[in-house]
PDB file of all heavy atoms in Angstrom:
ATOM      1  N   LEU A   1     -27.194   3.788  -6.523  1.00  0.00           N
ATOM      2  CA  LEU A   1     -26.868   4.411  -7.844  1.00  0.00           C
ATOM      3  C   LEU A   1     -25.813   5.486  -7.769  1.00  0.00           C
ATOM      4  O   LEU A   1     -25.008   5.529  -8.817  1.00  0.00           O
ATOM      5  CB  LEU A   1     -28.244   5.075  -8.228  1.00  0.00           C
ATOM      6  CG  LEU A   1     -29.467   4.305  -8.458  1.00  0.00           C
ATOM      7  CD1 LEU A   1     -30.661   5.041  -8.770  1.00  0.00           C
ATOM      8  CD2 LEU A   1     -29.269   3.310  -9.722  1.00  0.00           C
ATOM      9  N   LYS A   2     -25.623   6.206  -6.823  1.00  0.00           N
ATOM     10  CA  LYS A   2     -24.483   7.113  -6.606  1.00  0.00           C
ATOM     11  C   LYS A   2     -23.221   6.384  -6.656  1.00  0.00           C
ATOM     12  O   LYS A   2     -22.342   6.762  -7.370  1.00  0.00           O
ATOM     13  CB  LYS A   2     -24.693   7.913  -5.396  1.00  0.00           C
ATOM     14  CG  LYS A   2     -23.591   8.921  -5.064  1.00  0.00           C
ATOM     15  CD  LYS A   2     -23.788   9.701  -3.810  1.00  0.00           C
ATOM     16  CE  LYS A   2     -22.715  10.716  -3.662  1.00  0.00           C
ATOM     17  NZ  LYS A   2     -22.922  11.414  -2.322  1.00  0.00           N
ATOM     18  N   ILE A   3     -23.127   5.371  -5.951  1.00  0.00           N
ATOM     19  CA  ILE A   3     -21.750   4.597  -5.917  1.00  0.00           C
ATOM     20  C   ILE A   3     -21.457   3.942  -7.152  1.00  0.00           C
ATOM     21  O   ILE A   3     -20.332   3.990  -7.732  1.00  0.00           O
ATOM     22  CB  ILE A   3     -21.879   3.507  -4.745  1.00  0.00           C
ATOM     23  CG1 ILE A   3     -21.997   4.259  -3.423  1.00  0.00           C
ATOM     24  CG2 ILE A   3     -20.684   2.580  -4.871  1.00  0.00           C
ATOM     25  CD1 ILE A   3     -22.320   3.336  -2.274  1.00  0.00           C
ATOM     26  N   LEU A   4     -22.608   3.306  -7.881  1.00  0.00           N
ATOM     27  CA  LEU A   4     -22.444   2.795  -9.219  1.00  0.00           C
ATOM     28  C   LEU A   4     -21.974   3.712 -10.157  1.00  0.00           C
ATOM     29  O   LEU A   4     -21.152   3.480 -11.077  1.00  0.00           O
ATOM     30  CB  LEU A   4     -23.640   2.113  -9.564  1.00  0.00           C
ATOM     31  CG  LEU A   4     -23.707   1.103 -10.713  1.00  0.00           C
ATOM     32  CD1 LEU A   4     -22.613   0.022 -10.406  1.00  0.00           C
ATOM     33  CD2 LEU A   4     -25.062   0.502 -10.931  1.00  0.00           C
ATOM     34  N   THR A   5     -22.520   4.932 -10.167  1.00  0.00           N
ATOM     35  CA  THR A   5     -22.161   5.974 -11.121  1.00  0.00           C
ATOM     36  C   THR A   5     -20.690   6.455 -10.897  1.00  0.00           C
ATOM     37  O   THR A   5     -20.074   6.703 -11.909  1.00  0.00           O
ATOM     38  CB  THR A   5     -23.159   7.116 -11.058  1.00  0.00           C
ATOM     39  OG1 THR A   5     -24.574   6.710 -11.299  1.00  0.00           O
ATOM     40  CG2 THR A   5     -22.830   8.215 -12.101  1.00  0.00           C
ATOM     41  N   GLU A   6     -20.295   6.647  -9.714  1.00  0.00           N
ATOM     42  CA  GLU A   6     -18.966   6.948  -9.368  1.00  0.00           C
ATOM     43  C   GLU A   6     -17.975   6.004  -9.936  1.00  0.00           C
ATOM     44  O   GLU A   6     -17.074   6.353 -10.463  1.00  0.00           O
ATOM     45  CB  GLU A   6     -18.759   7.093  -7.831  1.00  0.00           C
ATOM     46  CG  GLU A   6     -19.475   8.340  -7.268  1.00  0.00           C
ATOM     47  CD  GLU A   6     -19.524   8.402  -5.794  1.00  0.00           C
ATOM     48  OE1 GLU A   6     -19.121   7.406  -5.125  1.00  0.00           O
ATOM     49  OE2 GLU A   6     -19.816   9.402  -5.178  1.00  0.00           O
ATOM     50  N   LYS A   7     -18.361   4.737  -9.791  1.00  0.00           N
ATOM     51  CA  LYS A   7     -17.568   3.618 -10.385  1.00  0.00           C
ATOM     52  C   LYS A   7     -17.410   3.705 -11.766  1.00  0.00           C
ATOM     53  O   LYS A   7     -16.363   3.551 -12.474  1.00  0.00           O
ATOM     54  CB  LYS A   7     -18.075   2.208  -9.885  1.00  0.00           C
ATOM     55  CG  LYS A   7     -17.223   1.001 -10.246  1.00  0.00           C
ATOM     56  CD  LYS A   7     -17.913  -0.233  -9.670  1.00  0.00           C
ATOM     57  CE  LYS A   7     -17.076  -1.465 -10.012  1.00  0.00           C
ATOM     58  NZ  LYS A   7     -17.235  -1.809 -11.484  1.00  0.00           N
ATOM     59  N   ARG A   8     -18.536   3.879 -12.591  1.00  0.00           N
ATOM     60  CA  ARG A   8     -18.546   4.076 -13.930  1.00  0.00           C
ATOM     61  C   ARG A   8     -17.701   5.195 -14.354  1.00  0.00           C
ATOM     62  O   ARG A   8     -16.984   5.263 -15.404  1.00  0.00           O
ATOM     63  CB  ARG A   8     -19.950   4.143 -14.515  1.00  0.00           C
ATOM     64  CG  ARG A   8     -20.792   2.890 -14.396  1.00  0.00           C
ATOM     65  CD  ARG A   8     -20.290   1.878 -15.296  1.00  0.00           C
ATOM     66  NE  ARG A   8     -20.985   0.661 -15.109  1.00  0.00           N
ATOM     67  CZ  ARG A   8     -22.066   0.177 -15.962  1.00  0.00           C
ATOM     68  NH1 ARG A   8     -22.334   0.996 -16.895  1.00  0.00           N
ATOM     69  NH2 ARG A   8     -22.822  -0.873 -15.657  1.00  0.00           N
ATOM     70  N   ILE A   9     -17.801   6.420 -13.714  1.00  0.00           N
ATOM     71  CA  ILE A   9     -17.003   7.604 -14.088  1.00  0.00           C
ATOM     72  C   ILE A   9     -15.499   7.322 -13.880  1.00  0.00           C
ATOM     73  O   ILE A   9     -14.733   7.663 -14.761  1.00  0.00           O
ATOM     74  CB  ILE A   9     -17.440   8.767 -13.104  1.00  0.00           C
ATOM     75  CG1 ILE A   9     -18.756   9.280 -13.528  1.00  0.00           C
ATOM     76  CG2 ILE A   9     -16.374   9.943 -13.382  1.00  0.00           C
ATOM     77  CD1 ILE A   9     -19.416  10.228 -12.425  1.00  0.00           C
ATOM     78  N   THR A  10     -15.053   6.515 -12.911  1.00  0.00           N
ATOM     79  CA  THR A  10     -13.705   6.152 -12.811  1.00  0.00           C
ATOM     80  C   THR A  10     -13.192   5.194 -13.931  1.00  0.00           C
ATOM     81  O   THR A  10     -12.192   5.358 -14.547  1.00  0.00           O
ATOM     82  CB  THR A  10     -13.432   5.447 -11.505  1.00  0.00           C
ATOM     83  OG1 THR A  10     -13.911   6.318 -10.460  1.00  0.00           O
ATOM     84  CG2 THR A  10     -12.052   5.001 -11.292  1.00  0.00           C
ATOM     85  N   GLU A  11     -14.151   4.200 -14.303  1.00  0.00           N
ATOM     86  CA  GLU A  11     -13.808   3.367 -15.361  1.00  0.00           C
ATOM     87  C   GLU A  11     -13.923   3.987 -16.791  1.00  0.00           C
ATOM     88  O   GLU A  11     -13.241   3.496 -17.716  1.00  0.00           O
ATOM     89  CB  GLU A  11     -14.789   2.142 -15.252  1.00  0.00           C
ATOM     90  CG  GLU A  11     -14.598   1.302 -14.079  1.00  0.00           C
ATOM     91  CD  GLU A  11     -15.763   0.277 -13.961  1.00  0.00           C
ATOM     92  OE1 GLU A  11     -16.837   0.348 -14.652  1.00  0.00           O
ATOM     93  OE2 GLU A  11     -15.677  -0.723 -13.126  1.00  0.00           O
ATOM     94  N   GLN A  12     -14.810   4.922 -16.838  1.00  0.00           N
ATOM     95  CA  GLN A  12     -14.995   5.631 -18.279  1.00  0.00           C
ATOM     96  C   GLN A  12     -14.878   7.053 -18.147  1.00  0.00           C
ATOM     97  O   GLN A  12     -15.915   7.830 -18.379  1.00  0.00           O
ATOM     98  CB  GLN A  12     -16.445   5.092 -18.917  1.00  0.00           C
ATOM     99  CG  GLN A  12     -16.575   3.616 -19.005  1.00  0.00           C
ATOM    100  CD  GLN A  12     -17.945   3.238 -19.472  1.00  0.00           C
ATOM    101  OE1 GLN A  12     -18.926   3.489 -18.667  1.00  0.00           O
ATOM    102  NE2 GLN A  12     -18.113   2.807 -20.611  1.00  0.00           N
ATOM    103  N   PRO A  13     -13.780   7.529 -17.754  1.00  0.00           N
ATOM    104  CA  PRO A  13     -13.656   9.122 -17.565  1.00  0.00           C
ATOM    105  C   PRO A  13     -13.809   9.932 -18.816  1.00  0.00           C
ATOM    106  O   PRO A  13     -14.167  11.076 -18.577  1.00  0.00           O
ATOM    107  CB  PRO A  13     -12.228   9.186 -17.066  1.00  0.00           C
ATOM    108  CG  PRO A  13     -11.430   8.006 -17.706  1.00  0.00           C
ATOM    109  CD  PRO A  13     -12.480   6.888 -17.624  1.00  0.00           C
ATOM    110  N   THR A  14     -13.862   9.327 -19.949  1.00  0.00           N
ATOM    111  CA  THR A  14     -14.110  10.152 -21.219  1.00  0.00           C
ATOM    112  C   THR A  14     -15.621  10.192 -21.608  1.00  0.00           C
ATOM    113  O   THR A  14     -15.930  10.883 -22.499  1.00  0.00           O
ATOM    114  CB  THR A  14     -13.357   9.571 -22.409  1.00  0.00           C
ATOM    115  OG1 THR A  14     -13.685   8.234 -22.676  1.00  0.00           O
ATOM    116  CG2 THR A  14     -11.730   9.586 -22.078  1.00  0.00           C
ATOM    117  N   VAL A  15     -16.345   9.464 -20.909  1.00  0.00           N
ATOM    118  CA  VAL A  15     -17.735   9.540 -21.099  1.00  0.00           C
ATOM    119  C   VAL A  15     -18.473  10.683 -20.452  1.00  0.00           C
ATOM    120  O   VAL A  15     -18.751  10.528 -19.188  1.00  0.00           O
ATOM    121  CB  VAL A  15     -18.554   8.129 -20.840  1.00  0.00           C
ATOM    122  CG1 VAL A  15     -19.977   8.253 -21.183  1.00  0.00           C
ATOM    123  CG2 VAL A  15     -17.909   6.990 -21.487  1.00  0.00           C
ATOM    124  N   GLN A  16     -18.670  11.776 -21.066  1.00  0.00           N
ATOM    125  CA  GLN A  16     -19.015  13.076 -20.479  1.00  0.00           C
ATOM    126  C   GLN A  16     -20.324  13.055 -19.831  1.00  0.00           C
ATOM    127  O   GLN A  16     -20.621  13.699 -18.805  1.00  0.00           O
ATOM    128  CB  GLN A  16     -18.891  14.178 -21.549  1.00  0.00           C
ATOM    129  CG  GLN A  16     -17.549  14.448 -22.068  1.00  0.00           C
ATOM    130  CD  GLN A  16     -17.546  15.392 -23.282  1.00  0.00           C
ATOM    131  OE1 GLN A  16     -18.557  15.491 -23.926  1.00  0.00           O
ATOM    132  NE2 GLN A  16     -16.423  15.923 -23.535  1.00  0.00           N
ATOM    133  N   ARG A  17     -21.386  12.232 -20.370  1.00  0.00           N
ATOM    134  CA  ARG A  17     -22.661  12.205 -19.880  1.00  0.00           C
ATOM    135  C   ARG A  17     -22.767  11.776 -18.423  1.00  0.00           C
ATOM    136  O   ARG A  17     -23.572  12.180 -17.660  1.00  0.00           O
ATOM    137  CB  ARG A  17     -23.604  11.398 -20.738  1.00  0.00           C
ATOM    138  CG  ARG A  17     -25.033  11.537 -20.370  1.00  0.00           C
ATOM    139  CD  ARG A  17     -25.978  10.539 -21.016  1.00  0.00           C
ATOM    140  NE  ARG A  17     -25.523   9.997 -22.267  1.00  0.00           N
ATOM    141  CZ  ARG A  17     -25.949  10.395 -23.442  1.00  0.00           C
ATOM    142  NH1 ARG A  17     -26.933  11.250 -23.589  1.00  0.00           N
ATOM    143  NH2 ARG A  17     -25.584   9.684 -24.462  1.00  0.00           N
ATOM    144  N   LEU A  18     -21.843  10.834 -18.068  1.00  0.00           N
ATOM    145  CA  LEU A  18     -21.821  10.247 -16.738  1.00  0.00           C
ATOM    146  C   LEU A  18     -21.599  11.291 -15.635  1.00  0.00           C
ATOM    147  O   LEU A  18     -22.264  11.363 -14.575  1.00  0.00           O
ATOM    148  CB  LEU A  18     -20.739   9.126 -16.642  1.00  0.00           C
ATOM    149  CG  LEU A  18     -21.104   7.859 -17.492  1.00  0.00           C
ATOM    150  CD1 LEU A  18     -19.805   6.917 -17.429  1.00  0.00           C
ATOM    151  CD2 LEU A  18     -22.317   7.171 -17.169  1.00  0.00           C
ATOM    152  N   GLN A  19     -20.688  12.102 -15.909  1.00  0.00           N
ATOM    153  CA  GLN A  19     -20.367  13.203 -15.001  1.00  0.00           C
ATOM    154  C   GLN A  19     -21.364  14.219 -14.957  1.00  0.00           C
ATOM    155  O   GLN A  19     -21.845  14.672 -13.902  1.00  0.00           O
ATOM    156  CB  GLN A  19     -19.031  13.852 -15.243  1.00  0.00           C
ATOM    157  CG  GLN A  19     -18.495  14.943 -14.282  1.00  0.00           C
ATOM    158  CD  GLN A  19     -18.252  14.210 -12.855  1.00  0.00           C
ATOM    159  OE1 GLN A  19     -17.472  13.392 -12.770  1.00  0.00           O
ATOM    160  NE2 GLN A  19     -18.962  14.790 -11.825  1.00  0.00           N
ATOM    161  N   MET A  20     -21.998  14.497 -16.113  1.00  0.00           N
ATOM    162  CA  MET A  20     -23.115  15.458 -16.108  1.00  0.00           C
ATOM    163  C   MET A  20     -24.347  14.876 -15.389  1.00  0.00           C
ATOM    164  O   MET A  20     -25.049  15.615 -14.582  1.00  0.00           O
ATOM    165  CB  MET A  20     -23.502  15.804 -17.537  1.00  0.00           C
ATOM    166  CG  MET A  20     -22.482  16.556 -18.345  1.00  0.00           C
ATOM    167  SD  MET A  20     -22.870  16.640 -20.068  1.00  0.00           S
ATOM    168  CE  MET A  20     -21.252  17.192 -20.801  1.00  0.00           C
ATOM    169  N   MET A  21     -24.567  13.666 -15.555  1.00  0.00           N
ATOM    170  CA  MET A  21     -25.743  13.017 -14.785  1.00  0.00           C
ATOM    171  C   MET A  21     -25.388  13.029 -13.290  1.00  0.00           C
ATOM    172  O   MET A  21     -26.303  13.256 -12.446  1.00  0.00           O
ATOM    173  CB  MET A  21     -25.916  11.569 -15.347  1.00  0.00           C
ATOM    174  CG  MET A  21     -26.912  10.822 -14.615  1.00  0.00           C
ATOM    175  SD  MET A  21     -27.214   9.152 -15.174  1.00  0.00           S
ATOM    176  CE  MET A  21     -25.681   8.385 -14.630  1.00  0.00           C
ATOM    177  N   TYR A  22     -24.160  12.701 -12.962  1.00  0.00           N
ATOM    178  CA  TYR A  22     -23.835  12.729 -11.501  1.00  0.00           C
ATOM    179  C   TYR A  22     -24.040  13.963 -10.854  1.00  0.00           C
ATOM    180  O   TYR A  22     -24.629  14.049  -9.774  1.00  0.00           O
ATOM    181  CB  TYR A  22     -22.319  12.207 -11.433  1.00  0.00           C
ATOM    182  CG  TYR A  22     -22.000  12.101  -9.851  1.00  0.00           C
ATOM    183  CD1 TYR A  22     -22.089  10.887  -9.241  1.00  0.00           C
ATOM    184  CD2 TYR A  22     -21.329  13.168  -9.208  1.00  0.00           C
ATOM    185  CE1 TYR A  22     -21.699  10.699  -7.887  1.00  0.00           C
ATOM    186  CE2 TYR A  22     -20.929  13.021  -7.852  1.00  0.00           C
ATOM    187  CZ  TYR A  22     -21.231  11.771  -7.288  1.00  0.00           C
ATOM    188  OH  TYR A  22     -20.746  11.600  -5.839  1.00  0.00           O
ATOM    189  N   ASP A  23     -23.636  15.131 -11.571  1.00  0.00           N
ATOM    190  CA  ASP A  23     -23.803  16.408 -10.928  1.00  0.00           C
ATOM    191  C   ASP A  23     -25.232  16.765 -10.911  1.00  0.00           C
ATOM    192  O   ASP A  23     -25.672  17.433  -9.930  1.00  0.00           O
ATOM    193  CB  ASP A  23     -23.077  17.450 -11.781  1.00  0.00           C
ATOM    194  CG  ASP A  23     -21.472  17.288 -11.826  1.00  0.00           C
ATOM    195  OD1 ASP A  23     -21.088  16.789 -10.764  1.00  0.00           O
ATOM    196  OD2 ASP A  23     -20.890  17.701 -12.704  1.00  0.00           O
ATOM    197  N   TYR A  24     -26.080  16.498 -11.894  1.00  0.00           N
ATOM    198  CA  TYR A  24     -27.489  16.753 -11.867  1.00  0.00           C
ATOM    199  C   TYR A  24     -28.249  15.952 -10.810  1.00  0.00           C
ATOM    200  O   TYR A  24     -29.083  16.470 -10.066  1.00  0.00           O
ATOM    201  CB  TYR A  24     -28.096  16.386 -13.255  1.00  0.00           C
ATOM    202  CG  TYR A  24     -29.427  16.722 -13.486  1.00  0.00           C
ATOM    203  CD1 TYR A  24     -29.807  18.033 -13.900  1.00  0.00           C
ATOM    204  CD2 TYR A  24     -30.530  15.763 -13.208  1.00  0.00           C
ATOM    205  CE1 TYR A  24     -31.247  18.357 -14.065  1.00  0.00           C
ATOM    206  CE2 TYR A  24     -31.796  16.180 -13.395  1.00  0.00           C
ATOM    207  CZ  TYR A  24     -32.225  17.431 -13.806  1.00  0.00           C
ATOM    208  OH  TYR A  24     -33.411  17.750 -13.939  1.00  0.00           O
ATOM    209  N   LEU A  25     -27.992  14.757 -10.661  1.00  0.00           N
ATOM    210  CA  LEU A  25     -28.771  13.790  -9.714  1.00  0.00           C
ATOM    211  C   LEU A  25     -28.207  13.877  -8.255  1.00  0.00           C
ATOM    212  O   LEU A  25     -28.963  13.958  -7.287  1.00  0.00           O
ATOM    213  CB  LEU A  25     -28.709  12.358 -10.126  1.00  0.00           C
ATOM    214  CG  LEU A  25     -29.429  12.142 -11.507  1.00  0.00           C
ATOM    215  CD1 LEU A  25     -29.289  10.643 -11.863  1.00  0.00           C
ATOM    216  CD2 LEU A  25     -30.982  12.616 -11.492  1.00  0.00           C
ATOM    217  N   PHE A  26     -26.860  13.895  -8.169  1.00  0.00           N
ATOM    218  CA  PHE A  26     -26.223  13.660  -6.869  1.00  0.00           C
ATOM    219  C   PHE A  26     -25.434  14.879  -6.350  1.00  0.00           C
ATOM    220  O   PHE A  26     -24.670  14.819  -5.379  1.00  0.00           O
ATOM    221  CB  PHE A  26     -25.341  12.507  -6.964  1.00  0.00           C
ATOM    222  CG  PHE A  26     -25.944  11.223  -7.413  1.00  0.00           C
ATOM    223  CD1 PHE A  26     -25.622  10.723  -8.717  1.00  0.00           C
ATOM    224  CD2 PHE A  26     -26.991  10.604  -6.702  1.00  0.00           C
ATOM    225  CE1 PHE A  26     -26.319   9.576  -9.172  1.00  0.00           C
ATOM    226  CE2 PHE A  26     -27.687   9.428  -7.168  1.00  0.00           C
ATOM    227  CZ  PHE A  26     -27.231   8.952  -8.306  1.00  0.00           C
ATOM    228  N   GLY A  27     -25.632  16.060  -7.184  1.00  0.00           N
ATOM    229  CA  GLY A  27     -24.914  17.349  -6.649  1.00  0.00           C
ATOM    230  C   GLY A  27     -25.557  17.925  -5.485  1.00  0.00           C
ATOM    231  O   GLY A  27     -26.154  17.219  -4.610  1.00  0.00           O
ATOM    232  N   ALA A  28     -25.390  19.148  -5.479  1.00  0.00           N
ATOM    233  CA  ALA A  28     -25.851  19.938  -4.214  1.00  0.00           C
ATOM    234  C   ALA A  28     -27.394  19.968  -4.071  1.00  0.00           C
ATOM    235  O   ALA A  28     -27.947  20.256  -3.075  1.00  0.00           O
ATOM    236  CB  ALA A  28     -25.314  21.411  -4.307  1.00  0.00           C
ATOM    237  N   GLY A  29     -28.130  19.486  -5.092  1.00  0.00           N
ATOM    238  CA  GLY A  29     -29.541  19.464  -5.102  1.00  0.00           C
ATOM    239  C   GLY A  29     -30.125  20.761  -5.605  1.00  0.00           C
ATOM    240  O   GLY A  29     -29.343  21.774  -5.977  1.00  0.00           O
ATOM    241  N   VAL A  30     -31.411  20.972  -5.601  1.00  0.00           N
ATOM    242  CA  VAL A  30     -32.142  22.157  -6.045  1.00  0.00           C
ATOM    243  C   VAL A  30     -32.031  23.236  -4.990  1.00  0.00           C
ATOM    244  O   VAL A  30     -32.397  23.143  -3.838  1.00  0.00           O
ATOM    245  CB  VAL A  30     -33.654  21.888  -6.289  1.00  0.00           C
ATOM    246  CG1 VAL A  30     -34.388  23.203  -6.765  1.00  0.00           C
ATOM    247  CG2 VAL A  30     -33.795  20.741  -7.351  1.00  0.00           C
ATOM    248  N   ARG A  31     -31.426  24.401  -5.396  1.00  0.00           N
ATOM    249  CA  ARG A  31     -31.417  25.477  -4.441  1.00  0.00           C
ATOM    250  C   ARG A  31     -31.627  26.786  -5.261  1.00  0.00           C
ATOM    251  O   ARG A  31     -31.380  26.747  -6.489  1.00  0.00           O
ATOM    252  CB  ARG A  31     -30.215  25.600  -3.673  1.00  0.00           C
ATOM    253  CG  ARG A  31     -28.918  25.870  -4.560  1.00  0.00           C
ATOM    254  CD  ARG A  31     -27.695  25.844  -3.791  1.00  0.00           C
ATOM    255  NE  ARG A  31     -26.451  26.056  -4.551  1.00  0.00           N
ATOM    256  CZ  ARG A  31     -25.991  27.259  -5.082  1.00  0.00           C
ATOM    257  NH1 ARG A  31     -26.687  28.321  -4.727  1.00  0.00           N
ATOM    258  NH2 ARG A  31     -24.982  27.393  -5.810  1.00  0.00           N
ATOM    259  N   LYS A  32     -32.076  27.754  -4.631  1.00  0.00           N
ATOM    260  CA  LYS A  32     -32.439  29.054  -5.290  1.00  0.00           C
ATOM    261  C   LYS A  32     -31.261  29.919  -5.208  1.00  0.00           C
ATOM    262  O   LYS A  32     -30.824  30.283  -4.148  1.00  0.00           O
ATOM    263  CB  LYS A  32     -33.671  29.706  -4.631  1.00  0.00           C
ATOM    264  CG  LYS A  32     -34.006  30.993  -5.372  1.00  0.00           C
ATOM    265  CD  LYS A  32     -35.435  31.531  -4.702  1.00  0.00           C
ATOM    266  CE  LYS A  32     -35.964  32.685  -5.497  1.00  0.00           C
ATOM    267  NZ  LYS A  32     -37.118  33.214  -4.868  1.00  0.00           N
ATOM    268  N   PRO A  33     -30.709  30.121  -6.337  1.00  0.00           N
ATOM    269  CA  PRO A  33     -29.377  31.126  -6.334  1.00  0.00           C
ATOM    270  C   PRO A  33     -29.798  32.561  -6.073  1.00  0.00           C
ATOM    271  O   PRO A  33     -31.064  32.896  -6.175  1.00  0.00           O
ATOM    272  CB  PRO A  33     -28.900  30.958  -7.672  1.00  0.00           C
ATOM    273  CG  PRO A  33     -30.005  30.695  -8.492  1.00  0.00           C
ATOM    274  CD  PRO A  33     -30.983  29.821  -7.774  1.00  0.00           C
ATOM    275  N   ASP A  34     -28.847  33.371  -5.878  1.00  0.00           N
ATOM    276  CA  ASP A  34     -29.127  34.759  -5.668  1.00  0.00           C
ATOM    277  C   ASP A  34     -29.262  35.284  -7.196  1.00  0.00           C
ATOM    278  O   ASP A  34     -28.304  35.438  -7.877  1.00  0.00           O
ATOM    279  CB  ASP A  34     -27.987  35.541  -5.035  1.00  0.00           C
ATOM    280  CG  ASP A  34     -28.189  37.044  -5.015  1.00  0.00           C
ATOM    281  OD1 ASP A  34     -29.291  37.612  -5.351  1.00  0.00           O
ATOM    282  OD2 ASP A  34     -27.249  37.642  -4.570  1.00  0.00           O
ATOM    283  N   LEU A  35     -30.433  35.666  -7.558  1.00  0.00           N
ATOM    284  CA  LEU A  35     -30.747  36.133  -8.891  1.00  0.00           C
ATOM    285  C   LEU A  35     -30.526  37.607  -9.137  1.00  0.00           C
ATOM    286  O   LEU A  35     -30.478  38.033 -10.318  1.00  0.00           O
ATOM    287  CB  LEU A  35     -32.181  35.790  -9.241  1.00  0.00           C
ATOM    288  CG  LEU A  35     -32.675  34.227  -9.143  1.00  0.00           C
ATOM    289  CD1 LEU A  35     -34.147  34.186  -9.539  1.00  0.00           C
ATOM    290  CD2 LEU A  35     -31.764  33.396 -10.089  1.00  0.00           C
ATOM    291  N   GLN A  36     -30.364  38.274  -8.123  1.00  0.00           N
ATOM    292  CA  GLN A  36     -30.282  39.793  -8.316  1.00  0.00           C
ATOM    293  C   GLN A  36     -29.438  40.237  -9.340  1.00  0.00           C
ATOM    294  O   GLN A  36     -29.811  41.061 -10.288  1.00  0.00           O
ATOM    295  CB  GLN A  36     -29.984  40.437  -6.910  1.00  0.00           C
ATOM    296  CG  GLN A  36     -29.951  41.960  -6.941  1.00  0.00           C
ATOM    297  CD  GLN A  36     -31.391  42.568  -7.061  1.00  0.00           C
ATOM    298  OE1 GLN A  36     -32.192  42.224  -6.055  1.00  0.00           O
ATOM    299  NE2 GLN A  36     -31.669  43.314  -8.046  1.00  0.00           N
ATOM    300  N   LYS A  37     -28.171  39.764  -9.318  1.00  0.00           N
ATOM    301  CA  LYS A  37     -27.203  40.266 -10.294  1.00  0.00           C
ATOM    302  C   LYS A  37     -27.417  39.878 -11.714  1.00  0.00           C
ATOM    303  O   LYS A  37     -26.806  40.497 -12.733  1.00  0.00           O
ATOM    304  CB  LYS A  37     -25.778  39.842  -9.754  1.00  0.00           C
ATOM    305  CG  LYS A  37     -25.398  40.590  -8.506  1.00  0.00           C
ATOM    306  CD  LYS A  37     -23.990  40.229  -8.227  1.00  0.00           C
ATOM    307  CE  LYS A  37     -23.595  40.876  -6.898  1.00  0.00           C
ATOM    308  NZ  LYS A  37     -22.317  40.689  -6.383  1.00  0.00           N
ATOM    309  N   LEU A  38     -28.236  38.847 -11.882  1.00  0.00           N
ATOM    310  CA  LEU A  38     -28.577  38.423 -13.305  1.00  0.00           C
ATOM    311  C   LEU A  38     -29.437  39.453 -14.007  1.00  0.00           C
ATOM    312  O   LEU A  38     -29.521  39.645 -15.260  1.00  0.00           O
ATOM    313  CB  LEU A  38     -29.301  37.046 -13.329  1.00  0.00           C
ATOM    314  CG  LEU A  38     -28.567  35.839 -13.155  1.00  0.00           C
ATOM    315  CD1 LEU A  38     -29.458  34.644 -13.110  1.00  0.00           C
ATOM    316  CD2 LEU A  38     -27.481  35.633 -14.308  1.00  0.00           C
TER     317      LEU A  38
END
């Protein structure tokens, strides 16, 4: 799915949802940020 999504992003660079989905699913993953400064 990751490889297929990367291919679609290359083929359809103006479709914004594809990059957003890629970052959400295949990005750094769930991690707890430093909340203190918020």
